[in-house]
């Protein structure tokens, strides 16, 4: 066979290979263009790009996810459900986000049970995808299933302890069960990560409500014995706290007294390992250090921002010492 014939035979193969590569590039390019349009809030334009990509690759996980994302952003979330269901059936890097978005769409369309089911189904496939636990906790919270929300928040924290909103969620759902010691420590953990902002203001207000003896009306028939004992210890600790000359000193003394009392009590209790180890032990250890002054100022930034911010700036060494201690402290689960 001469060289001309060989080239002629190879040409269709080469052309097909080039065409396939161009096709792949086109799909990737269309998705990239769609993402850019979505970021510019041109959702209709983004959706058209994704539709073009899907005509070539109907099962492309990214294109299916992105079109659902843009549909949801444009207020047509339920139209994105079929695309997301397709993504959830294929194991890819978009599987977890697809279940997350699917649950969010159900939640936004007032279908709480479908949202819960979507998150739980996603966790069977992606058990390490933290946002699914967090959003499951939110869905349970909205459905007033506070015990279930607490467990979801715990799993979310285990997967990402630095996710501030998971700490806030734990504080809220335990507060709704009148677990005041747990709620207080959840809010403190949140404020350690996010000391300023609207949600920080709310967390501080909830913390003050607990310190003043406040309790939310719960739908629980009876509180657990361990919760009753912890609540009593918290109340007694607040009553025994030393007075202070400023709001920051009052808060410091109250928190120190509570952390000591609850920490000592938790050491003697059994069960509820997560609260005892992750929260009670950690804050009990903190109460034994010289970092409580800086800690109290950080907690109180929402209440007296100027005074506490000025104190933290003037005592930068103490703020750094607190940060170093928190970073080095072991928080067991």
Protein backbone atom coordinates (compact mmCIF):
# COMPACT_ATOMS: atom_id res chain seq x y z
CA UNK A 1 0.00 0.00 0.00
CA UNK A 2 1.52 3.35 -1.04
CA UNK A 3 1.74 6.38 1.21
CA UNK A 4 -1.14 8.20 -0.52
CA UNK A 5 -3.55 5.35 0.22
CA UNK A 6 -2.38 5.17 3.82
CA UNK A 7 -3.00 8.88 4.28
CA UNK A 8 -6.44 8.59 2.68
CA UNK A 9 -7.39 5.79 5.07
CA UNK A 10 -6.13 7.70 8.11
CA UNK A 11 -7.86 10.97 7.23
CA UNK A 12 -11.42 9.96 8.32
CA UNK A 13 -10.06 8.69 11.65
CA UNK A 14 -8.13 11.91 12.25
CA UNK A 15 -11.07 14.09 11.24
CA UNK A 16 -13.38 12.16 13.57
CA UNK A 17 -10.89 12.53 16.42
CA UNK A 18 -10.58 16.28 15.82
CA UNK A 19 -14.37 16.60 15.63
CA UNK A 20 -14.81 14.80 18.95
CA UNK A 21 -12.19 17.03 20.57
CA UNK A 22 -13.87 20.14 19.17
CA UNK A 23 -17.22 18.88 20.42
CA UNK A 24 -15.81 18.37 23.93
CA UNK A 25 -14.24 21.80 23.86
CA UNK A 26 -17.53 23.31 22.70
CA UNK A 27 -19.42 21.75 25.62
CA UNK A 28 -16.84 22.94 28.13
CA UNK A 29 -16.81 26.35 26.46
CA UNK A 30 -20.59 26.62 26.51
CA UNK A 31 -20.68 25.74 30.20
CA UNK A 32 -17.98 28.31 30.93
CA UNK A 33 -19.93 30.96 29.02
CA UNK A 34 -23.07 29.99 30.91
CA UNK A 35 -21.34 30.40 34.27
CA UNK A 36 -20.05 33.83 33.23
CA UNK A 37 -23.55 34.91 32.19
CA UNK A 38 -25.00 33.54 35.42
CA UNK A 39 -22.46 35.53 37.42
CA UNK A 40 -23.64 38.62 35.53
CA UNK A 41 -27.23 37.75 36.54
CA UNK A 42 -28.13 37.06 32.90
CA UNK A 43 -29.92 33.85 33.83
CA UNK A 44 -31.85 33.52 30.56
CA UNK A 45 -28.61 33.77 28.59
CA UNK A 46 -26.91 31.25 30.86
CA UNK A 47 -29.80 28.79 30.53
CA UNK A 48 -29.57 28.95 26.72
CA UNK A 49 -25.84 28.13 26.84
CA UNK A 50 -26.48 25.13 29.09
CA UNK A 51 -29.28 23.92 26.83
CA UNK A 52 -26.90 24.03 23.87
CA UNK A 53 -24.34 22.03 25.84
CA UNK A 54 -26.99 19.46 26.76
CA UNK A 55 -27.99 18.93 23.14
CA UNK A 56 -24.50 17.52 22.65
CA UNK A 57 -24.12 15.82 26.04
CA UNK A 58 -27.55 15.24 27.64
CA UNK A 59 -26.00 13.52 30.67
CA UNK A 60 -23.28 16.08 31.36
CA UNK A 61 -23.45 16.46 35.15
CA UNK A 62 -22.08 19.99 35.26
CA UNK A 63 -24.40 21.30 32.55
CA UNK A 64 -27.43 19.72 34.23
CA UNK A 65 -26.46 21.13 37.60
CA UNK A 66 -25.68 24.60 36.26
CA UNK A 67 -28.94 24.91 34.33
CA UNK A 68 -30.86 23.98 37.49
CA UNK A 69 -28.79 26.52 39.44
CA UNK A 70 -29.62 29.30 36.97
CA UNK A 71 -33.29 28.31 36.83
CA UNK A 72 -33.44 28.51 40.61
CA UNK A 73 -31.67 31.87 40.62
CA UNK A 74 -34.21 33.18 38.11
CA UNK A 75 -37.12 32.16 40.34
CA UNK A 76 -37.95 28.95 38.45
CA UNK A 77 -36.46 26.48 40.89
CA UNK A 78 -39.04 23.74 40.37
CA UNK A 79 -38.20 23.72 36.63
CA UNK A 80 -34.70 22.67 37.61
CA UNK A 81 -35.77 19.55 39.51
CA UNK A 82 -35.64 17.13 36.50
CA UNK A 83 -32.09 18.26 35.72
CA UNK A 84 -31.00 17.78 39.32
CA UNK A 85 -32.58 14.33 39.54
CA UNK A 86 -30.48 13.34 36.53
CA UNK A 87 -27.32 14.56 38.32
CA UNK A 88 -28.20 12.72 41.54
CA UNK A 89 -28.32 9.42 39.67
CA UNK A 90 -24.70 9.75 38.56
CA UNK A 91 -21.83 9.71 41.04
CA UNK A 92 -19.81 12.83 40.27
CA UNK A 93 -18.39 15.89 41.98
CA UNK A 94 -21.78 17.54 41.41
CA UNK A 95 -23.80 14.85 43.20
CA UNK A 96 -23.57 16.46 46.65
CA UNK A 97 -24.30 20.00 45.40
CA UNK A 98 -27.21 18.63 43.33
CA UNK A 99 -28.87 17.08 46.38
CA UNK A 100 -28.18 20.30 48.31
CA UNK A 101 -29.85 22.44 45.65
CA UNK A 102 -32.69 19.95 45.22
CA UNK A 103 -33.46 20.07 48.93
CA UNK A 104 -33.24 23.86 48.88
CA UNK A 105 -35.76 24.08 46.04
CA UNK A 106 -38.19 21.81 47.88
CA UNK A 107 -37.70 23.87 51.02
CA UNK A 108 -38.33 27.15 49.19
CA UNK A 109 -41.48 25.73 47.60
CA UNK A 110 -42.87 24.78 51.04
CA UNK A 111 -42.31 21.04 50.69
CA UNK A 112 -40.41 20.39 53.95
CA UNK A 113 -40.65 16.61 53.92
CA UNK A 114 -39.38 16.40 50.33
CA UNK A 115 -36.48 18.65 51.34
CA UNK A 116 -35.63 16.42 54.30
CA UNK A 117 -35.87 13.31 52.11
CA UNK A 118 -33.58 14.87 49.48
CA UNK A 119 -30.89 15.74 52.03
CA UNK A 120 -31.09 12.29 53.64
CA UNK A 121 -30.91 10.55 50.27
CA UNK A 122 -27.89 12.65 49.37
CA UNK A 123 -26.14 11.70 52.60
CA UNK A 124 -26.47 8.02 51.72
CA UNK A 125 -24.32 8.70 48.66
CA UNK A 126 -22.16 11.57 49.93
CA UNK A 127 -21.93 11.11 53.72
CA UNK A 128 -18.97 13.50 53.98
CA UNK A 129 -20.67 16.41 52.18
CA UNK A 130 -21.11 18.83 55.09
CA UNK A 131 -23.69 21.20 53.52
CA UNK A 132 -26.20 18.34 53.36
CA UNK A 133 -26.10 17.89 57.15
CA UNK A 134 -26.29 21.64 57.72
CA UNK A 135 -29.27 22.10 55.40
CA UNK A 136 -30.94 19.00 56.81
CA UNK A 137 -30.65 20.63 60.22
CA UNK A 138 -32.22 23.84 58.87
CA UNK A 139 -35.09 21.84 57.32
CA UNK A 140 -35.72 19.98 60.58
CA UNK A 141 -35.54 23.28 62.49
CA UNK A 142 -38.19 24.86 60.26
CA UNK A 143 -40.33 21.77 60.71
CA UNK A 144 -39.91 22.18 64.51
CA UNK A 145 -38.23 18.78 64.75
CA UNK A 146 -35.61 20.17 67.11
CA UNK A 147 -34.06 16.92 68.35
CA UNK A 148 -33.46 15.78 64.77
CA UNK A 149 -32.11 19.23 63.91
CA UNK A 150 -29.66 18.97 66.81
CA UNK A 151 -28.26 15.68 65.54
CA UNK A 152 -27.87 17.09 62.03
CA UNK A 153 -26.08 20.17 63.43
CA UNK A 154 -23.72 17.91 65.39
CA UNK A 155 -22.78 15.97 62.26
CA UNK A 156 -22.29 19.23 60.34
CA UNK A 157 -19.95 20.51 63.06
CA UNK A 158 -17.98 17.27 63.08
CA UNK A 159 -17.36 17.62 59.35
CA UNK A 160 -16.54 21.34 59.49
CA UNK A 161 -16.02 22.79 63.00
CA UNK A 162 -15.16 26.19 61.54
CA UNK A 163 -18.50 26.54 59.76
CA UNK A 164 -19.95 29.33 61.90
CA UNK A 165 -23.58 28.83 60.91
CA UNK A 166 -23.51 25.19 62.01
CA UNK A 167 -22.47 26.41 65.48
CA UNK A 168 -25.29 28.96 65.39
CA UNK A 169 -27.75 26.25 64.33
CA UNK A 170 -26.69 24.06 67.26
CA UNK A 171 -27.25 27.00 69.60
CA UNK A 172 -30.71 27.69 68.19
CA UNK A 173 -32.01 24.12 68.17
CA UNK A 174 -30.77 23.39 71.69
CA UNK A 175 -32.26 26.69 72.92
CA UNK A 176 -35.60 25.56 71.47
CA UNK A 177 -35.30 22.41 73.58
CA UNK A 178 -34.48 24.51 76.67
CA UNK A 179 -30.97 23.03 76.78
CA UNK A 180 -29.66 26.35 77.97
CA UNK A 181 -26.05 25.37 78.76
CA UNK A 182 -25.65 23.73 75.36
CA UNK A 183 -27.29 26.70 73.64
CA UNK A 184 -25.06 29.21 75.42
CA UNK A 185 -21.92 27.35 74.41
CA UNK A 186 -23.17 26.98 70.84
CA UNK A 187 -23.67 30.74 70.59
CA UNK A 188 -20.25 31.35 72.16
CA UNK A 189 -18.66 29.06 69.57
CA UNK A 190 -20.47 30.94 66.81
CA UNK A 191 -19.28 34.31 68.13
CA UNK A 192 -15.70 33.03 68.33
CA UNK A 193 -15.87 32.46 64.58
CA UNK A 194 -18.10 35.40 63.63
CA UNK A 195 -18.11 38.07 66.35
CA UNK A 196 -19.66 40.81 64.22
CA UNK A 197 -22.69 41.07 61.94
CA UNK A 198 -26.50 40.84 62.08
CA UNK A 199 -26.50 37.16 63.06
CA UNK A 200 -23.88 37.90 65.69
CA UNK A 201 -26.21 40.52 67.16
CA UNK A 202 -28.93 37.87 67.32
CA UNK A 203 -26.58 35.30 68.88
CA UNK A 204 -25.51 37.78 71.54
CA UNK A 205 -29.16 38.65 72.27
CA UNK A 206 -29.96 34.95 72.69
CA UNK A 207 -26.94 34.54 74.95
CA UNK A 208 -28.12 37.44 77.12
CA UNK A 209 -31.61 35.94 77.26
CA UNK A 210 -30.12 32.72 78.64
CA UNK A 211 -28.02 34.63 81.18
CA UNK A 212 -31.12 36.49 82.35
CA UNK A 213 -33.04 33.25 82.85
CA UNK A 214 -34.96 33.28 79.59
CA UNK A 215 -36.28 30.12 78.00
CA UNK A 216 -38.13 29.56 74.76
CA UNK A 217 -41.49 27.83 74.81
CA UNK A 218 -40.79 24.29 73.72
CA UNK A 219 -43.03 21.51 72.53
CA UNK A 220 -41.13 18.86 74.44
CA UNK A 221 -43.32 17.09 77.00
CA UNK A 222 -40.48 16.55 79.47
CA UNK A 223 -36.87 17.64 79.64
CA UNK A 224 -34.19 15.01 80.16
CA UNK A 225 -32.86 14.71 83.70
CA UNK A 226 -29.36 15.71 82.57
CA UNK A 227 -30.76 18.87 80.96
CA UNK A 228 -32.60 19.84 84.15
CA UNK A 229 -29.44 19.38 86.21
CA UNK A 230 -27.36 21.42 83.75
CA UNK A 231 -29.95 24.21 83.70
CA UNK A 232 -29.91 24.36 87.49
CA UNK A 233 -26.12 24.45 87.52
CA UNK A 234 -26.17 27.29 85.00
CA UNK A 235 -28.67 29.30 87.06
CA UNK A 236 -26.67 28.76 90.25
CA UNK A 237 -23.45 29.77 88.50
CA UNK A 238 -25.00 33.01 87.25
CA UNK A 239 -26.22 33.82 90.77
CA UNK A 240 -22.76 33.16 92.24
CA UNK A 241 -20.85 35.14 89.60
CA UNK A 242 -18.80 38.02 90.93
CA UNK A 243 -20.15 41.51 90.17
CA UNK A 244 -18.33 43.66 87.65
CA UNK A 245 -17.78 47.36 87.14
CA UNK A 246 -18.54 47.25 83.41
CA UNK A 247 -20.85 45.13 81.20
CA UNK A 248 -17.77 43.35 79.85
CA UNK A 249 -16.60 42.44 83.35
CA UNK A 250 -20.09 41.22 84.27
CA UNK A 251 -20.15 39.01 81.17
CA UNK A 252 -16.64 37.72 81.85
CA UNK A 253 -17.52 36.74 85.42
CA UNK A 254 -20.81 35.13 84.40
CA UNK A 255 -19.24 33.06 81.63
CA UNK A 256 -16.29 32.01 83.78
CA UNK A 257 -18.63 30.88 86.55
CA UNK A 258 -20.86 28.97 84.11
CA UNK A 259 -17.98 27.29 82.27
CA UNK A 260 -16.51 26.10 85.57
CA UNK A 261 -19.81 24.81 86.98
CA UNK A 262 -21.01 23.13 83.79
CA UNK A 263 -17.56 21.71 83.06
CA UNK A 264 -17.27 20.13 86.50
CA UNK A 265 -20.79 18.72 86.27
CA UNK A 266 -20.33 17.38 82.74
CA UNK A 267 -17.27 15.43 83.90
CA UNK A 268 -19.54 13.45 86.22
CA UNK A 269 -22.32 12.85 83.69
CA UNK A 270 -22.63 10.01 81.21
CA UNK A 271 -24.03 10.16 77.69
CA UNK A 272 -24.27 13.17 75.40
CA UNK A 273 -20.59 12.78 74.59
CA UNK A 274 -20.58 15.50 71.95
CA UNK A 275 -21.76 18.22 74.32
CA UNK A 276 -19.58 17.02 77.19
CA UNK A 277 -16.37 16.80 75.17
CA UNK A 278 -16.74 19.35 72.39
CA UNK A 279 -18.38 22.13 74.36
CA UNK A 280 -18.20 21.61 78.14
CA UNK A 281 -14.57 20.43 78.25
CA UNK A 282 -13.40 23.13 75.86
CA UNK A 283 -15.00 26.03 77.71
CA UNK A 284 -14.04 24.59 81.10
CA UNK A 285 -10.42 24.56 79.93
CA UNK A 286 -10.80 28.12 78.67
CA UNK A 287 -12.12 29.28 82.05
CA UNK A 288 -8.85 28.14 83.67
CA UNK A 289 -6.73 30.39 81.45
CA UNK A 290 -5.98 34.11 81.50
CA UNK A 291 -7.90 34.54 78.25
CA UNK A 292 -11.38 35.16 79.66
CA UNK A 293 -11.10 38.96 79.53
CA UNK A 294 -10.34 38.94 75.81
CA UNK A 295 -12.97 36.25 75.26
CA UNK A 296 -15.70 38.30 76.98
CA UNK A 297 -14.82 41.39 74.93
CA UNK A 298 -15.02 39.34 71.76
CA UNK A 299 -18.40 37.92 72.79
CA UNK A 300 -19.70 41.40 73.55
CA UNK A 301 -18.69 43.17 70.35
CA UNK A 302 -22.35 43.31 69.31
CA UNK A 303 -23.43 44.98 72.55
CA UNK A 304 -20.75 47.62 73.03
CA UNK A 305 -18.78 47.63 69.81
CA UNK A 306 -16.71 50.78 70.33
CA UNK A 307 -15.62 50.04 73.90
CA UNK A 308 -14.87 46.36 73.27
CA UNK A 309 -13.15 46.98 69.95
CA UNK A 310 -11.00 49.66 71.58
CA UNK A 311 -10.12 47.28 74.43
CA UNK A 312 -9.15 44.53 71.97
CA UNK A 313 -7.00 46.98 69.97
CA UNK A 314 -5.28 48.28 73.10
CA UNK A 315 -4.74 44.73 74.35
CA UNK A 316 -3.67 43.13 71.10
CA UNK A 317 -1.34 40.77 72.95
CA UNK A 318 -4.30 39.36 74.90
CA UNK A 319 -6.37 38.97 71.74
CA UNK A 320 -3.49 37.12 70.08
CA UNK A 321 -3.05 34.93 73.16
CA UNK A 322 -6.75 34.00 73.00
CA UNK A 323 -6.51 33.21 69.28
CA UNK A 324 -3.41 31.08 69.86
CA UNK A 325 -5.05 29.18 72.69
CA UNK A 326 -8.21 28.49 70.67
CA UNK A 327 -6.14 27.32 67.68
CA UNK A 328 -4.09 24.94 69.84
CA UNK A 329 -6.93 23.64 72.02
CA UNK A 330 -8.17 20.15 71.24
CA UNK A 331 -11.93 19.90 70.85
CA UNK A 332 -12.95 16.27 70.98
CA UNK A 333 -16.14 14.94 69.48
